[in-house]
C-alpha atoms as a PDB file:
ATOM      1  CA  MET A   1      -7.220  11.856   5.754  1.00  0.00           C
ATOM      2  CA  PRO A   2      -5.882   9.620   8.569  1.00  0.00           C
ATOM      3  CA  LEU A   3      -2.869   7.479   7.907  1.00  0.00           C
ATOM      4  CA  LEU A   4      -4.892   4.270   8.834  1.00  0.00           C
ATOM      5  CA  ASP A   5      -8.681   3.894   8.977  1.00  0.00           C
ATOM      6  CA  GLY A   6      -9.509   1.277  11.568  1.00  0.00           C
ATOM      7  CA  SER A   7     -12.994   0.885  10.480  1.00  0.00           C
ATOM      8  CA  VAL A   8     -11.722  -0.853   7.071  1.00  0.00           C
ATOM      9  CA  LEU A   9      -9.869  -3.311   9.131  1.00  0.00           C
ATOM     10  CA  GLN A  10     -13.059  -4.126  11.094  1.00  0.00           C
ATOM     11  CA  ASP A  11     -14.900  -4.487   7.874  1.00  0.00           C
ATOM     12  CA  LEU A  12     -12.312  -6.738   6.584  1.00  0.00           C
ATOM     13  CA  GLU A  13     -12.674  -9.015   9.680  1.00  0.00           C
ATOM     14  CA  ASP A  14     -16.347  -8.943   9.172  1.00  0.00           C
ATOM     15  CA  GLU A  15     -16.289  -9.854   5.556  1.00  0.00           C
ATOM     16  CA  LEU A  16     -13.838 -12.685   6.164  1.00  0.00           C
ATOM     17  CA  GLY A  17     -15.825 -13.894   9.221  1.00  0.00           C
ATOM     18  CA  GLN A  18     -12.502 -14.954  10.907  1.00  0.00           C
ATOM     19  CA  PRO A  19     -10.386 -12.341  12.562  1.00  0.00           C
ATOM     20  CA  GLU A  20      -7.313 -14.611  12.275  1.00  0.00           C
ATOM     21  CA  MET A  21      -7.669 -14.452   8.394  1.00  0.00           C
ATOM     22  CA  ALA A  22      -7.703 -10.478   8.454  1.00  0.00           C
ATOM     23  CA  TRP A  23      -4.593 -10.450  10.900  1.00  0.00           C
ATOM     24  CA  SER A  24      -2.780 -12.881   8.507  1.00  0.00           C
ATOM     25  CA  PHE A  25      -3.674 -10.634   5.364  1.00  0.00           C
ATOM     26  CA  VAL A  26      -2.360  -7.561   7.351  1.00  0.00           C
ATOM     27  CA  ASN A  27       0.586  -9.325   8.663  1.00  0.00           C
ATOM     28  CA  ASP A  28       1.488 -10.404   4.962  1.00  0.00           C
ATOM     29  CA  TYR A  29       0.844  -6.865   3.792  1.00  0.00           C
ATOM     30  CA  ALA A  30       3.277  -5.491   6.322  1.00  0.00           C
ATOM     31  CA  ALA A  31       5.941  -8.138   5.662  1.00  0.00           C
ATOM     32  CA  MET A  32       5.737  -7.589   1.986  1.00  0.00           C
ATOM     33  CA  TRP A  33       6.088  -3.719   2.116  1.00  0.00           C
ATOM     34  CA  GLY A  34       9.814  -3.671   1.338  1.00  0.00           C
ATOM     35  CA  LEU A  35       9.280  -6.014  -1.705  1.00  0.00           C
ATOM     36  CA  ARG A  36       6.409  -3.842  -3.073  1.00  0.00           C
ATOM     37  CA  GLN A  37       8.284  -0.733  -2.616  1.00  0.00           C
ATOM     38  CA  ARG A  38      11.532  -2.121  -4.471  1.00  0.00           C
ATOM     39  CA  PHE A  39       9.486  -3.489  -7.179  1.00  0.00           C
ATOM     40  CA  LEU A  40       7.721  -0.208  -7.852  1.00  0.00           C
ATOM     41  CA  LEU A  41      11.007   1.616  -7.729  1.00  0.00           C
ATOM     42  CA  ASP A  42      12.857  -0.743  -9.898  1.00  0.00           C
ATOM     43  CA  SER A  43       9.971  -0.936 -12.456  1.00  0.00           C
ATOM     44  CA  ILE A  44       9.974   2.831 -12.735  1.00  0.00           C
ATOM     45  CA  GLU A  45      13.803   3.191 -12.886  1.00  0.00           C
ATOM     46  CA  ARG A  46      13.714   0.626 -15.807  1.00  0.00           C
ATOM     47  CA  GLU A  47      10.798   2.529 -17.396  1.00  0.00           C
ATOM     48  CA  ASP A  48       8.818  -0.598 -17.631  1.00  0.00           C
ATOM     49  CA  HIS A  49       5.353   0.834 -17.848  1.00  0.00           C
ATOM     50  CA  ALA A  50       3.657  -2.409 -17.541  1.00  0.00           C
ATOM     51  CA  ALA A  51       5.414  -3.632 -14.537  1.00  0.00           C
ATOM     52  CA  ALA A  52       5.062  -0.147 -12.917  1.00  0.00           C
ATOM     53  CA  LEU A  53       1.290  -0.218 -13.495  1.00  0.00           C
ATOM     54  CA  ASP A  54       1.140  -3.631 -12.085  1.00  0.00           C
ATOM     55  CA  ALA A  55       3.205  -2.646  -8.974  1.00  0.00           C
ATOM     56  CA  VAL A  56       1.183   0.511  -8.173  1.00  0.00           C
ATOM     57  CA  ILE A  57      -2.221  -1.112  -8.837  1.00  0.00           C
ATOM     58  CA  SER A  58      -1.211  -3.914  -6.358  1.00  0.00           C
ATOM     59  CA  LEU A  59       0.009  -1.177  -3.866  1.00  0.00           C
ATOM     60  CA  LYS A  60      -3.263   0.752  -4.323  1.00  0.00           C
ATOM     61  CA  VAL A  61      -5.749  -1.994  -3.828  1.00  0.00           C
ATOM     62  CA  SER A  62      -3.843  -3.847  -0.995  1.00  0.00           C
ATOM     63  CA  SER A  63      -3.246  -0.655   0.953  1.00  0.00           C
ATOM     64  CA  ALA A  64      -7.003   0.199   0.629  1.00  0.00           C
ATOM     65  CA  MET A  65      -7.903  -3.370   1.869  1.00  0.00           C
ATOM     66  CA  VAL A  66      -5.913  -2.771   5.088  1.00  0.00           C
ATOM     67  CA  GLY A  67      -7.161   0.838   5.771  1.00  0.00           C
ATOM     68  CA  GLY A  68      -4.113   2.655   4.364  1.00  0.00           C
ATOM     69  CA  LEU A  69      -6.181   5.236   2.679  1.00  0.00           C
ATOM     70  CA  ARG A  70      -3.676   7.996   2.339  1.00  0.00           C
ATOM     71  CA  LEU A  71      -1.178   5.515   0.817  1.00  0.00           C
ATOM     72  CA  ALA A  72      -3.871   4.097  -1.547  1.00  0.00           C
ATOM     73  CA  ARG A  73      -4.806   7.840  -2.689  1.00  0.00           C
ATOM     74  CA  LEU A  74      -0.846   8.521  -3.341  1.00  0.00           C
ATOM     75  CA  ALA A  75      -0.773   5.209  -5.339  1.00  0.00           C
ATOM     76  CA  GLN A  76      -3.770   6.264  -7.394  1.00  0.00           C
ATOM     77  CA  THR A  77      -2.080   9.492  -8.162  1.00  0.00           C
ATOM     78  CA  LEU A  78       0.966   7.603  -9.278  1.00  0.00           C
ATOM     79  CA  GLU A  79      -1.099   5.284 -11.416  1.00  0.00           C
ATOM     80  CA  THR A  80      -2.469   8.252 -13.132  1.00  0.00           C
ATOM     81  CA  THR A  81       1.046   9.649 -13.736  1.00  0.00           C
ATOM     82  CA  ILE A  82       2.308   6.276 -15.024  1.00  0.00           C
ATOM     83  CA  ARG A  83      -0.722   5.959 -17.443  1.00  0.00           C
ATOM     84  CA  LYS A  84       0.184   9.436 -18.781  1.00  0.00           C
ATOM     85  CA  GLY A  85       3.575   8.048 -19.691  1.00  0.00           C
ATOM     86  CA  ASP A  86       5.452  10.305 -17.153  1.00  0.00           C
ATOM     87  CA  LEU A  87       7.603   7.856 -15.271  1.00  0.00           C
ATOM     88  CA  ARG A  88      10.578  10.378 -14.865  1.00  0.00           C
ATOM     89  CA  GLY A  89       8.037  12.882 -13.215  1.00  0.00           C
ATOM     90  CA  SER A  90       7.210  10.471 -10.422  1.00  0.00           C
ATOM     91  CA  ALA A  91      10.118  11.070  -8.307  1.00  0.00           C
ATOM     92  CA  GLU A  92       8.249  13.103  -5.607  1.00  0.00           C
ATOM     93  CA  LEU A  93       5.226  10.728  -5.527  1.00  0.00           C
ATOM     94  CA  LEU A  94       7.745   7.882  -4.974  1.00  0.00           C
ATOM     95  CA  ALA A  95       9.241   9.889  -2.042  1.00  0.00           C
ATOM     96  CA  LEU A  96       5.776  10.291  -0.540  1.00  0.00           C
ATOM     97  CA  ILE A  97       4.899   6.664  -1.058  1.00  0.00           C
ATOM     98  CA  SER A  98       8.022   5.532   0.594  1.00  0.00           C
ATOM     99  CA  LEU A  99       7.332   7.773   3.630  1.00  0.00           C
ATOM    100  CA  HIS A 100       3.700   7.105   4.007  1.00  0.00           C
ATOM    101  CA  GLY A 101       4.110   3.270   3.165  1.00  0.00           C
ATOM    102  CA  GLN A 102       6.674   2.956   6.173  1.00  0.00           C
ATOM    103  CA  ALA A 103       4.426   4.835   8.426  1.00  0.00           C
ATOM    104  CA  THR A 104       1.364   2.800   7.177  1.00  0.00           C
ATOM    105  CA  VAL A 105       3.118  -0.334   8.180  1.00  0.00           C
ATOM    106  CA  LYS A 106       4.276   0.884  11.420  1.00  0.00           C
ATOM    107  CA  GLU A 107       0.757   1.908  12.342  1.00  0.00           C
ATOM    108  CA  LEU A 108      -0.694  -1.421  11.334  1.00  0.00           C
ATOM    109  CA  GLN A 109       1.990  -2.986  13.438  1.00  0.00           C
ATOM    110  CA  LEU A 110       1.328  -0.971  16.502  1.00  0.00           C
ATOM    111  CA  ARG A 111      -2.396  -0.425  16.246  1.00  0.00           C
ATOM    112  CA  TYR A 112      -3.502  -3.637  14.777  1.00  0.00           C
ATOM    113  CA  LEU A 113      -1.051  -6.470  14.707  1.00  0.00           C
ATOM    114  CA  GLN A 114       0.171  -6.217  18.335  1.00  0.00           C
ATOM    115  CA  SER A 115      -3.351  -5.511  19.611  1.00  0.00           C
ATOM    116  CA  VAL A 116      -5.073  -8.417  17.859  1.00  0.00           C
ATOM    117  CA  GLY A 117      -2.192 -11.057  17.547  1.00  0.00           C
END
């Protein structure tokens, strides 16, 4: 599975009817990556199941919307782990999410934000 699926971004532009709106959404996604990651890590460290679910679902949905399908799949796996109540067993997934999240943002910046903006 590719890190970034550009066809999803094209679909987002088509659905919104204005490429500028899609660009703005993707730009906001990239800008918020650090906050999303921190909120997810903090909620798991605090063993706050509700906050962890909120954070991981937000990450899953927003990542899928910008074409970050690999990251969305990792978030889906973490969501399942959280729903099973295994917050302590999520360290490996969190490391993968951090790695792929940073790579996804970098790809969005290089392949989409710079070329469209």
